[in-house]
Amino acid sequence: MKPLLMMEPSDDLGMQQVTDLGGQSIYSERTFEHHKEYTKQPTYRGLFDAAFSHEKSVSENCEMAVYSNGDILYSTSIRDTLGSSLAYAKDIEKTDRVLVIGTRINTDMPEELDLDVNQQDYDSLLKKLAKTGRRYQSNAEDYFAVSKPLFDWKALPDFIVGGVAFDNWIVAKANRAYKQKGKPVVVVDASDTITAIHQNHGKGRKDSHLQGKSTYNRKLAVKEGSWSKGRVVDAKYCSLNTPWDEIIVVERRRLLFT
């Protein structure tokens, strides 16, 4: 996995940090589609289209792109879960259309926290933080991973990045697509295998709900098929940790009745 960060050309420090991690940056002013009504606001369809087709990226070899809010820390469990989800979709369901979602864990971070450690210690640290936190509500998807063939990204409605409703809308759209003709869509709830630590940062966490772009996204979601069945718990599949330290994907209904 390599970071591909949306940023402005003037953010020299951010670009250097991404480069040091072996990743690449996308200049939002030059590359992304910007909303016609809300100027300087990129669209989600532009975001994913750029991630899969950006001239600097290894787009031909890129099977999945992950959207995440910037205040979440992940362990290597996200890499392993995405690999298991792709393998299950291809081997069992015979499809390459995959959406992986999950809920975050809200955590009060220590005032002094050293993240400059090796990978094993970093994963152990996040596991400890997870035990002190609280899992957030199932209708908020702060991260979602999509496979390139999931949708025609250029054809999606012009939802605005940073506004609410798109996460629920795309999950609902993927769930509806499972019943349509063509390749099925595998939607995986990975909450139990992806350690996603959200860093609590006080008041104002829902200020974005009051912004005009959120109102626009809500209306657009209703117009474009609704966001019903767009929660994490509406996923047909889920990922689980096994006693032998593997991550598997199972159909949720079969798990309940086995």
Protein backbone atom coordinates (compact mmCIF):
# COMPACT_ATOMS: atom_id res chain seq x y z
CA MET A 1 0.00 0.00 0.00
CA LYS A 2 1.24 3.48 -0.88
CA PRO A 3 -0.22 6.84 0.17
CA LEU A 4 -1.64 9.05 -2.57
CA LEU A 5 -2.43 12.35 -0.91
CA MET A 6 -4.69 15.14 -2.16
CA MET A 7 -2.98 18.46 -1.48
CA GLU A 8 -2.23 21.88 -2.87
CA PRO A 9 1.00 22.56 -4.83
CA SER A 10 2.15 25.00 -2.12
CA ASP A 11 2.26 22.28 0.57
CA ASP A 12 5.96 21.48 0.24
CA LEU A 13 6.20 19.82 3.66
CA GLY A 14 3.25 17.54 2.98
CA MET A 15 4.68 16.50 -0.36
CA GLN A 16 8.02 15.64 1.22
CA GLN A 17 6.38 13.55 3.94
CA VAL A 18 4.40 11.56 1.38
CA THR A 19 7.52 11.04 -0.74
CA ASP A 20 9.43 9.79 2.31
CA LEU A 21 6.72 7.15 2.78
CA GLY A 22 7.13 5.96 -0.80
CA GLY A 23 3.90 7.57 -1.95
CA GLN A 24 2.79 10.26 -4.37
CA SER A 25 0.77 13.44 -4.22
CA ILE A 26 -2.10 14.65 -6.39
CA TYR A 27 -2.45 18.36 -6.96
CA SER A 28 -6.11 19.08 -6.36
CA GLU A 29 -6.07 22.36 -8.31
CA ARG A 30 -4.63 20.69 -11.42
CA THR A 31 -5.94 17.17 -11.39
CA PHE A 32 -9.33 16.93 -9.73
CA GLU A 33 -12.70 17.76 -11.10
CA HIS A 34 -14.03 20.67 -9.05
CA HIS A 35 -17.69 21.23 -8.41
CA LYS A 36 -19.32 23.81 -10.66
CA GLU A 37 -21.45 25.35 -7.92
CA TYR A 38 -19.09 24.98 -4.95
CA THR A 39 -15.83 26.37 -6.28
CA LYS A 40 -12.55 24.79 -5.17
CA GLN A 41 -14.46 21.80 -3.80
CA PRO A 42 -13.33 18.51 -5.41
CA THR A 43 -15.81 15.74 -6.18
CA TYR A 44 -15.59 12.14 -5.03
CA ARG A 45 -15.84 10.89 -8.61
CA GLY A 46 -12.87 13.10 -9.48
CA LEU A 47 -11.00 11.79 -6.46
CA PHE A 48 -11.33 8.11 -7.37
CA ASP A 49 -10.85 8.69 -11.08
CA ALA A 50 -7.60 10.52 -10.31
CA ALA A 51 -6.43 7.80 -7.92
CA PHE A 52 -6.90 5.08 -10.53
CA SER A 53 -5.68 7.01 -13.56
CA HIS A 54 -3.19 9.58 -12.24
CA GLU A 55 -0.21 9.88 -14.55
CA LYS A 56 2.28 9.34 -11.71
CA SER A 57 0.52 6.40 -10.12
CA VAL A 58 0.92 2.72 -10.80
CA SER A 59 -2.72 2.68 -11.88
CA GLU A 60 -2.38 -0.43 -14.06
CA ASN A 61 -1.32 -2.46 -11.02
CA CYS A 62 -3.58 -0.70 -8.52
CA GLU A 63 -6.47 -3.00 -7.61
CA MET A 64 -8.01 -0.94 -4.81
CA ALA A 65 -8.06 2.64 -3.57
CA VAL A 66 -8.84 3.58 0.02
CA TYR A 67 -10.53 6.83 0.99
CA SER A 68 -9.92 7.84 4.59
CA ASN A 69 -10.38 10.83 6.81
CA GLY A 70 -7.02 12.23 7.84
CA ASP A 71 -7.49 11.78 11.59
CA ILE A 72 -7.49 7.97 11.57
CA LEU A 73 -4.55 5.66 12.31
CA TYR A 74 -4.45 2.15 10.79
CA SER A 75 -2.51 -0.96 11.62
CA THR A 76 -1.31 -3.38 8.95
CA SER A 77 -4.61 -5.17 9.44
CA ILE A 78 -6.07 -2.96 6.72
CA ARG A 79 -3.60 -4.34 4.16
CA ASP A 80 -4.30 -7.94 5.15
CA THR A 81 -8.07 -7.41 5.19
CA LEU A 82 -8.12 -5.88 1.72
CA GLY A 83 -6.06 -8.78 0.41
CA SER A 84 -8.44 -11.33 1.92
CA SER A 85 -11.48 -9.47 0.61
CA LEU A 86 -10.11 -9.35 -2.93
CA ALA A 87 -9.15 -13.01 -2.83
CA TYR A 88 -12.59 -14.04 -1.59
CA ALA A 89 -14.33 -11.98 -4.26
CA LYS A 90 -12.22 -13.41 -7.07
CA ASP A 91 -12.01 -17.03 -5.92
CA ILE A 92 -15.46 -17.57 -4.43
CA GLU A 93 -17.80 -15.01 -5.98
CA LYS A 94 -15.92 -14.77 -9.31
CA THR A 95 -15.94 -10.99 -9.37
CA ASP A 96 -13.48 -8.12 -9.13
CA ARG A 97 -16.06 -5.61 -7.88
CA VAL A 98 -15.34 -5.05 -4.19
CA LEU A 99 -16.21 -2.48 -1.52
CA VAL A 100 -14.69 -2.76 1.96
CA ILE A 101 -16.10 -0.58 4.75
CA GLY A 102 -15.97 -0.42 8.53
CA THR A 103 -16.51 1.61 11.66
CA ARG A 104 -13.84 3.58 13.44
CA ILE A 105 -12.86 3.43 17.12
CA ASN A 106 -13.01 6.82 18.87
CA THR A 107 -10.04 7.19 21.19
CA ASP A 108 -8.65 9.88 23.48
CA MET A 109 -5.02 9.99 22.48
CA PRO A 110 -2.21 10.28 25.06
CA GLU A 111 -0.52 13.69 25.20
CA GLU A 112 2.81 12.06 24.43
CA LEU A 113 2.67 9.31 21.83
CA ASP A 114 5.69 8.01 19.95
CA LEU A 115 4.70 6.54 16.59
CA ASP A 116 8.26 6.39 15.31
CA VAL A 117 8.60 2.67 16.06
CA ASN A 118 8.90 -0.53 14.06
CA GLN A 119 5.81 -2.00 12.43
CA GLN A 120 5.22 -4.72 15.02
CA ASP A 121 5.36 -2.27 17.93
CA TYR A 122 3.16 0.17 16.02
CA ASP A 123 0.47 -2.49 15.51
CA SER A 124 0.65 -3.45 19.18
CA LEU A 125 0.28 0.17 20.21
CA LEU A 126 -2.86 0.62 18.09
CA LYS A 127 -4.37 -2.54 19.56
CA LYS A 128 -3.86 -1.15 23.05
CA LEU A 129 -5.44 2.16 22.06
CA ALA A 130 -8.40 0.30 20.56
CA LYS A 131 -9.14 -1.32 23.92
CA THR A 132 -9.49 2.12 25.52
CA GLY A 133 -11.76 3.53 22.81
CA ARG A 134 -15.37 3.18 21.77
CA ARG A 135 -16.66 1.99 18.41
CA TYR A 136 -18.58 4.66 16.51
CA GLN A 137 -22.04 4.39 14.96
CA SER A 138 -22.64 2.12 11.97
CA ASN A 139 -24.01 4.83 9.67
CA ALA A 140 -20.68 6.68 9.56
CA GLU A 141 -18.09 5.23 7.20
CA ASP A 142 -14.92 7.24 7.68
CA TYR A 143 -13.01 4.94 5.37
CA PHE A 144 -13.93 2.77 2.43
CA ALA A 145 -11.85 0.80 -0.03
CA VAL A 146 -13.05 0.35 -3.60
CA SER A 147 -11.80 -1.81 -6.44
CA LYS A 148 -11.19 -0.15 -9.77
CA PRO A 149 -13.97 -2.07 -11.62
CA LEU A 150 -16.57 -1.41 -8.90
CA PHE A 151 -18.17 1.45 -10.83
CA ASP A 152 -17.59 3.72 -13.82
CA TRP A 153 -16.12 6.48 -11.68
CA LYS A 154 -16.57 9.25 -14.25
CA ALA A 155 -20.30 8.47 -14.41
CA LEU A 156 -21.02 8.92 -10.70
CA PRO A 157 -23.06 11.93 -9.51
CA ASP A 158 -21.02 14.97 -8.44
CA PHE A 159 -20.95 14.41 -4.68
CA ILE A 160 -18.63 16.88 -2.94
CA VAL A 161 -15.65 15.71 -0.89
CA GLY A 162 -16.08 16.59 2.78
CA GLY A 163 -19.88 16.65 2.69
CA VAL A 164 -21.96 13.94 4.31
CA ALA A 165 -24.10 11.26 2.62
CA PHE A 166 -21.71 10.00 -0.07
CA ASP A 167 -20.42 7.18 2.13
CA ASN A 168 -23.93 5.86 2.78
CA TRP A 169 -24.96 6.40 -0.84
CA ILE A 170 -22.08 4.42 -2.34
CA VAL A 171 -22.64 1.54 0.11
CA ALA A 172 -26.33 1.49 -0.78
CA LYS A 173 -25.51 1.59 -4.49
CA ALA A 174 -23.09 -1.31 -4.11
CA ASN A 175 -25.68 -3.32 -2.16
CA ARG A 176 -28.27 -2.74 -4.89
CA ALA A 177 -25.77 -3.72 -7.59
CA TYR A 178 -25.44 -7.19 -6.08
CA LYS A 179 -28.90 -8.06 -7.38
CA GLN A 180 -28.39 -6.54 -10.83
CA LYS A 181 -27.13 -8.25 -13.97
CA GLY A 182 -23.43 -8.66 -14.58
CA LYS A 183 -20.68 -9.29 -12.07
CA PRO A 184 -21.87 -9.24 -8.44
CA VAL A 185 -20.52 -6.75 -5.93
CA VAL A 186 -18.94 -8.00 -2.71
CA VAL A 187 -19.53 -5.52 0.15
CA VAL A 188 -17.49 -6.41 3.24
CA ASP A 189 -17.91 -5.07 6.77
CA ALA A 190 -14.33 -5.16 8.01
CA SER A 191 -14.92 -3.57 11.41
CA ASP A 192 -13.73 -6.68 13.27
CA THR A 193 -10.42 -7.00 11.43
CA ILE A 194 -9.34 -3.44 10.55
CA THR A 195 -7.95 -1.50 13.50
CA ALA A 196 -8.98 2.08 12.71
CA ILE A 197 -8.17 4.49 15.53
CA HIS A 198 -9.94 7.84 15.31
CA GLN A 199 -8.14 10.57 17.22
CA ASN A 200 -10.73 12.47 19.25
CA HIS A 201 -10.31 16.20 18.80
CA GLY A 202 -12.95 17.87 20.92
CA LYS A 203 -15.92 19.88 19.76
CA GLY A 204 -16.85 20.67 16.19
CA ARG A 205 -16.68 17.08 14.95
CA LYS A 206 -20.04 17.42 13.19
CA ASP A 207 -19.63 20.97 11.87
CA SER A 208 -19.45 19.58 8.34
CA HIS A 209 -23.08 18.42 8.66
CA LEU A 210 -24.16 22.07 8.70
CA GLN A 211 -22.26 23.14 5.60
CA GLY A 212 -23.86 23.77 2.24
CA LYS A 213 -22.01 20.92 0.57
CA SER A 214 -23.60 18.47 3.03
CA THR A 215 -27.06 19.78 2.19
CA TYR A 216 -26.22 19.40 -1.49
CA ASN A 217 -24.99 15.82 -0.98
CA ARG A 218 -28.08 14.81 1.00
CA LYS A 219 -30.43 16.03 -1.72
CA LEU A 220 -28.32 14.39 -4.41
CA ALA A 221 -28.30 11.06 -2.53
CA VAL A 222 -32.11 11.03 -2.40
CA LYS A 223 -32.33 11.96 -6.07
CA GLU A 224 -29.81 9.31 -7.15
CA GLY A 225 -31.34 6.20 -5.63
CA SER A 226 -31.35 7.02 -1.88
CA TRP A 227 -28.98 5.96 0.88
CA SER A 228 -31.23 3.31 2.33
CA LYS A 229 -29.24 0.15 3.19
CA GLY A 230 -26.10 2.25 3.31
CA ARG A 231 -24.87 1.43 6.81
CA VAL A 232 -21.89 -0.73 7.70
CA VAL A 233 -24.20 -3.39 9.12
CA ASP A 234 -26.01 -3.64 5.76
CA ALA A 235 -22.96 -5.30 4.16
CA LYS A 236 -23.70 -8.81 2.91
CA TYR A 237 -20.26 -10.07 3.99
CA CYS A 238 -17.97 -9.55 6.97
CA SER A 239 -14.33 -10.27 7.77
CA LEU A 240 -13.18 -12.25 10.81
CA ASN A 241 -9.94 -13.09 12.56
CA THR A 242 -9.29 -16.82 12.92
CA PRO A 243 -7.49 -18.53 15.82
CA TRP A 244 -4.62 -19.29 13.41
CA ASP A 245 -3.99 -15.59 12.69
CA GLU A 246 -5.68 -15.41 9.31
CA ILE A 247 -8.38 -13.08 8.08
CA ILE A 248 -11.33 -14.68 6.34
CA VAL A 249 -14.44 -13.30 4.66
CA VAL A 250 -17.80 -14.96 5.21
CA GLU A 251 -21.39 -14.28 4.26
CA ARG A 252 -23.00 -12.64 7.27
CA ARG A 253 -26.33 -14.51 6.97
CA ARG A 254 -24.61 -17.89 6.89
CA LEU A 255 -22.55 -16.94 9.90
CA LEU A 256 -25.69 -16.09 11.88
CA PHE A 257 -27.43 -19.37 11.10
CA THR A 258 -24.48 -21.77 11.27
